[in-house]
Amino acid sequence: MRIIILLVLNLVSLTSLSQSELGIGIVSINFNNNNNTLIDFYEGSDLNKKVKTIEFFKDESINSWNIKDLENQQQWLQPESLWLDYHQFSFRTKTNETDCFEIYVSDTKTMWIKNTDYIEFHTWEEYLQNMFSIERVDKNTQNIYSKPFTNSEIVKLGSKEDCFTVIRMQNDWIEVETGEHCENGRKIKGWLEWRNDDKLLINYYTTS
């Protein structure tokens, strides 16, 4: 989960701090199950000056992926998500060019990576539609509406009714409904704002 920080070096599962810059979308790095994955980070879009390198490998001692020299890497690395057991490694993206991406490696620091066959870019709209679940950041002030505008009817929710899956998106709005995995019994459907300018208004979860 993106919101909870989990760093256990022997299990090597890390989820990120919430970053302040929203960016234009998410770059996901897909692990190669047969070979090591090496990722170089560059100072600029010309990709001439390499500043950091991360190497993933299958660690047989823990039967999972691992990162070489993780203790030092974590001093500068703050991705959007890094959950090795689930093959999740992603960054918020500032710039999308033909052969490279400018990504946020920490709250405000950016670096560049090459566009390779194991890297995928998704807009926020594309990315969020594949989430296992979403919830509002502020349940006290963020309303669910019957239509995608704030002067439409407000959908009333109980205190525990804040577990949704995404149906579709329309600009700054998401149409949501209660997910089948959610514990509350009542089926709720409506619209909520997922961003305000460069601020994310929802928490999202890639898996249960």
Protein backbone atom coordinates (compact mmCIF):
# COMPACT_ATOMS: atom_id res chain seq x y z
CA MET A 1 0.00 0.00 0.00
CA ARG A 2 1.29 3.41 -0.95
CA ILE A 3 0.40 5.16 2.24
CA ILE A 4 2.01 2.79 4.76
CA ILE A 5 5.79 2.80 4.95
CA LEU A 6 7.10 -0.72 5.27
CA LEU A 7 10.82 -1.35 5.24
CA VAL A 8 12.07 -4.69 6.43
CA LEU A 9 15.50 -5.31 5.05
CA ASN A 10 15.48 -9.06 5.38
CA LEU A 11 12.15 -9.35 3.58
CA VAL A 12 12.85 -6.42 1.27
CA SER A 13 9.36 -5.02 0.97
CA LEU A 14 9.11 -1.24 0.80
CA THR A 15 6.23 1.05 0.09
CA SER A 16 6.89 4.71 -0.40
CA LEU A 17 6.32 7.93 1.38
CA SER A 18 3.57 10.01 -0.14
CA GLN A 19 5.18 12.43 -2.57
CA SER A 20 4.00 16.01 -2.90
CA GLU A 21 4.39 16.39 -6.68
CA LEU A 22 1.60 14.69 -8.64
CA GLY A 23 3.25 14.69 -12.07
CA ILE A 24 1.67 13.46 -15.29
CA GLY A 25 1.46 9.75 -14.49
CA ILE A 26 3.33 6.68 -13.31
CA VAL A 27 6.36 4.86 -14.71
CA SER A 28 6.37 1.18 -13.72
CA ILE A 29 9.45 -1.03 -13.95
CA ASN A 30 8.69 -4.68 -14.64
CA PHE A 31 11.00 -7.28 -13.17
CA ASN A 32 12.50 -9.87 -15.50
CA ASN A 33 11.93 -13.28 -13.93
CA ASN A 34 14.87 -14.85 -15.75
CA ASN A 35 17.57 -12.21 -15.51
CA ASN A 36 18.82 -9.45 -13.27
CA THR A 37 17.27 -6.05 -13.81
CA LEU A 38 19.67 -3.10 -13.94
CA ILE A 39 18.30 0.46 -13.91
CA ASP A 40 20.49 3.49 -14.54
CA PHE A 41 19.48 6.97 -13.43
CA TYR A 42 20.75 10.03 -15.30
CA GLU A 43 21.17 13.72 -14.58
CA GLY A 44 19.48 14.97 -17.78
CA SER A 45 17.41 13.96 -20.77
CA ASP A 46 20.53 13.59 -22.94
CA LEU A 47 21.37 10.52 -20.79
CA ASN A 48 25.05 11.39 -20.86
CA LYS A 49 25.75 11.58 -17.13
CA LYS A 50 24.79 8.55 -15.08
CA VAL A 51 24.37 9.40 -11.39
CA LYS A 52 22.84 6.28 -9.80
CA THR A 53 22.31 2.60 -10.59
CA ILE A 54 19.96 0.07 -9.01
CA GLU A 55 20.40 -3.65 -9.53
CA PHE A 56 17.67 -6.15 -8.71
CA PHE A 57 18.44 -9.82 -8.30
CA LYS A 58 16.61 -12.98 -7.27
CA ASP A 59 17.78 -13.62 -3.73
CA GLU A 60 17.53 -17.35 -3.13
CA SER A 61 18.18 -16.92 0.60
CA ILE A 62 14.80 -15.21 1.05
CA ASN A 63 13.14 -16.62 -2.08
CA SER A 64 12.33 -13.13 -3.34
CA TRP A 65 13.71 -10.23 -5.29
CA ASN A 66 16.25 -8.02 -3.59
CA ILE A 67 18.22 -4.86 -4.30
CA LYS A 68 21.98 -4.81 -4.12
CA ASP A 69 23.31 -2.41 -1.49
CA LEU A 70 19.78 -1.57 -0.38
CA GLU A 71 20.88 0.17 2.81
CA ASN A 72 22.73 2.84 0.82
CA GLN A 73 20.17 3.02 -1.99
CA GLN A 74 17.34 3.83 0.38
CA GLN A 75 19.14 7.03 1.43
CA TRP A 76 18.21 8.68 -1.87
CA LEU A 77 15.46 6.43 -3.22
CA GLN A 78 11.83 7.27 -2.43
CA PRO A 79 9.70 5.78 -5.21
CA GLU A 80 5.94 5.88 -5.45
CA SER A 81 5.92 2.17 -4.65
CA LEU A 82 8.53 -0.55 -4.14
CA TRP A 83 7.08 -3.89 -3.15
CA LEU A 84 9.40 -6.59 -4.36
CA ASP A 85 7.24 -9.56 -3.38
CA TYR A 86 4.56 -8.24 -5.75
CA HIS A 87 6.98 -7.08 -8.48
CA GLN A 88 5.93 -3.46 -7.94
CA PHE A 89 8.41 -0.65 -8.54
CA SER A 90 7.03 2.66 -9.76
CA PHE A 91 7.71 6.39 -9.82
CA ARG A 92 5.65 9.51 -10.31
CA THR A 93 6.61 11.01 -13.65
CA LYS A 94 7.31 14.67 -14.41
CA THR A 95 8.21 14.46 -18.12
CA ASN A 96 7.55 11.89 -20.83
CA GLU A 97 9.86 11.98 -23.84
CA THR A 98 10.28 9.49 -26.68
CA ASP A 99 13.32 7.68 -25.32
CA CYS A 100 13.34 8.64 -21.64
CA PHE A 101 11.33 9.74 -18.61
CA GLU A 102 11.96 12.32 -15.93
CA ILE A 103 10.83 10.74 -12.67
CA TYR A 104 10.61 11.78 -9.04
CA VAL A 105 13.11 9.70 -7.07
CA SER A 106 12.17 11.52 -3.85
CA ASP A 107 9.71 14.16 -2.76
CA THR A 108 11.00 16.85 -5.15
CA LYS A 109 14.23 15.43 -6.64
CA THR A 110 14.03 14.20 -10.25
CA MET A 111 16.29 11.99 -12.37
CA TRP A 112 15.97 10.51 -15.85
CA ILE A 113 15.71 6.88 -16.94
CA LYS A 114 15.77 5.29 -20.38
CA ASN A 115 12.60 4.01 -21.97
CA THR A 116 13.22 0.28 -22.34
CA ASP A 117 11.09 -2.77 -23.04
CA TYR A 118 10.62 -3.43 -19.32
CA ILE A 119 9.40 0.09 -18.50
CA GLU A 120 5.76 1.17 -18.91
CA PHE A 121 4.21 4.62 -18.62
CA HIS A 122 0.58 5.18 -17.64
CA THR A 123 -1.28 8.42 -17.17
CA TRP A 124 -2.88 8.81 -13.77
CA GLU A 125 -6.23 8.05 -15.36
CA GLU A 126 -4.96 4.76 -16.80
CA TYR A 127 -3.11 3.83 -13.62
CA LEU A 128 -5.92 4.46 -11.15
CA GLN A 129 -8.45 2.45 -13.13
CA ASN A 130 -6.40 -0.67 -12.36
CA MET A 131 -6.31 -0.16 -8.60
CA PHE A 132 -7.58 -2.85 -6.24
CA SER A 133 -9.17 -0.21 -4.03
CA ILE A 134 -9.27 3.54 -3.36
CA GLU A 135 -10.44 5.71 -0.49
CA ARG A 136 -10.72 9.43 0.24
CA VAL A 137 -7.82 11.17 1.98
CA ASP A 138 -10.16 13.32 4.08
CA LYS A 139 -13.45 11.58 4.79
CA ASN A 140 -14.78 14.60 6.71
CA THR A 141 -14.57 17.13 3.88
CA GLN A 142 -14.56 15.07 0.66
CA ASN A 143 -18.05 14.23 -0.48
CA ILE A 144 -19.30 11.57 -2.85
CA TYR A 145 -21.68 13.07 -5.41
CA SER A 146 -24.37 11.57 -7.62
CA LYS A 147 -22.83 13.30 -10.66
CA PRO A 148 -19.36 14.71 -11.47
CA PHE A 149 -19.93 18.23 -10.20
CA THR A 150 -20.16 19.68 -6.70
CA ASN A 151 -23.70 21.07 -6.94
CA SER A 152 -25.15 17.61 -7.56
CA GLU A 153 -26.73 15.51 -4.81
CA ILE A 154 -24.38 14.29 -2.08
CA VAL A 155 -24.32 10.53 -1.50
CA LYS A 156 -24.51 9.85 2.23
CA LEU A 157 -21.97 7.41 3.64
CA GLY A 158 -21.56 5.61 6.93
CA SER A 159 -18.37 5.93 8.97
CA LYS A 160 -16.92 2.70 7.55
CA GLU A 161 -18.21 3.03 4.00
CA ASP A 162 -15.07 4.27 2.30
CA CYS A 163 -13.85 1.36 0.21
CA PHE A 164 -14.28 1.70 -3.54
CA THR A 165 -13.25 0.43 -6.93
CA VAL A 166 -12.97 2.67 -9.98
CA ILE A 167 -15.62 2.47 -12.72
CA ARG A 168 -14.39 5.28 -14.96
CA MET A 169 -12.75 8.67 -14.87
CA GLN A 170 -13.74 12.06 -16.21
CA ASN A 171 -11.11 14.79 -15.90
CA ASP A 172 -10.66 15.44 -12.14
CA TRP A 173 -13.48 13.08 -11.20
CA ILE A 174 -13.71 9.33 -10.58
CA GLU A 175 -16.90 7.32 -10.69
CA VAL A 176 -16.65 4.71 -7.94
CA GLU A 177 -18.66 1.93 -6.42
CA THR A 178 -18.33 -0.28 -3.38
CA GLY A 179 -15.93 -3.12 -4.20
CA GLU A 180 -16.86 -6.76 -3.73
CA HIS A 181 -13.93 -7.11 -1.32
CA CYS A 182 -15.18 -4.29 0.92
CA GLU A 183 -16.51 -5.26 4.35
CA ASN A 184 -19.58 -3.02 4.42
CA GLY A 185 -22.73 -4.62 3.04
CA ARG A 186 -24.31 -1.60 1.36
CA LYS A 187 -23.61 -1.01 -2.34
CA ILE A 188 -22.69 2.64 -2.96
CA LYS A 189 -22.06 4.33 -6.28
CA GLY A 190 -21.11 7.93 -7.05
CA TRP A 191 -18.45 10.44 -8.08
CA LEU A 192 -15.55 11.94 -6.15
CA GLU A 193 -12.74 14.34 -7.01
CA TRP A 194 -9.42 12.50 -7.19
CA ARG A 195 -7.15 15.54 -7.51
CA ASN A 196 -7.09 19.26 -6.90
CA ASP A 197 -4.53 20.86 -9.22
CA ASP A 198 -1.29 19.06 -8.25
CA LYS A 199 -2.62 17.42 -5.10
CA LEU A 200 -3.86 13.84 -4.91
CA LEU A 201 -7.14 13.61 -2.97
CA ILE A 202 -7.33 9.82 -2.69
CA ASN A 203 -5.35 6.96 -1.24
CA TYR A 204 -4.99 4.02 -3.59
CA TYR A 205 -4.06 0.40 -3.05
CA THR A 206 -2.62 -1.84 -5.72
CA THR A 207 -3.39 -5.05 -3.87
CA SER A 208 -5.24 -6.31 -0.80
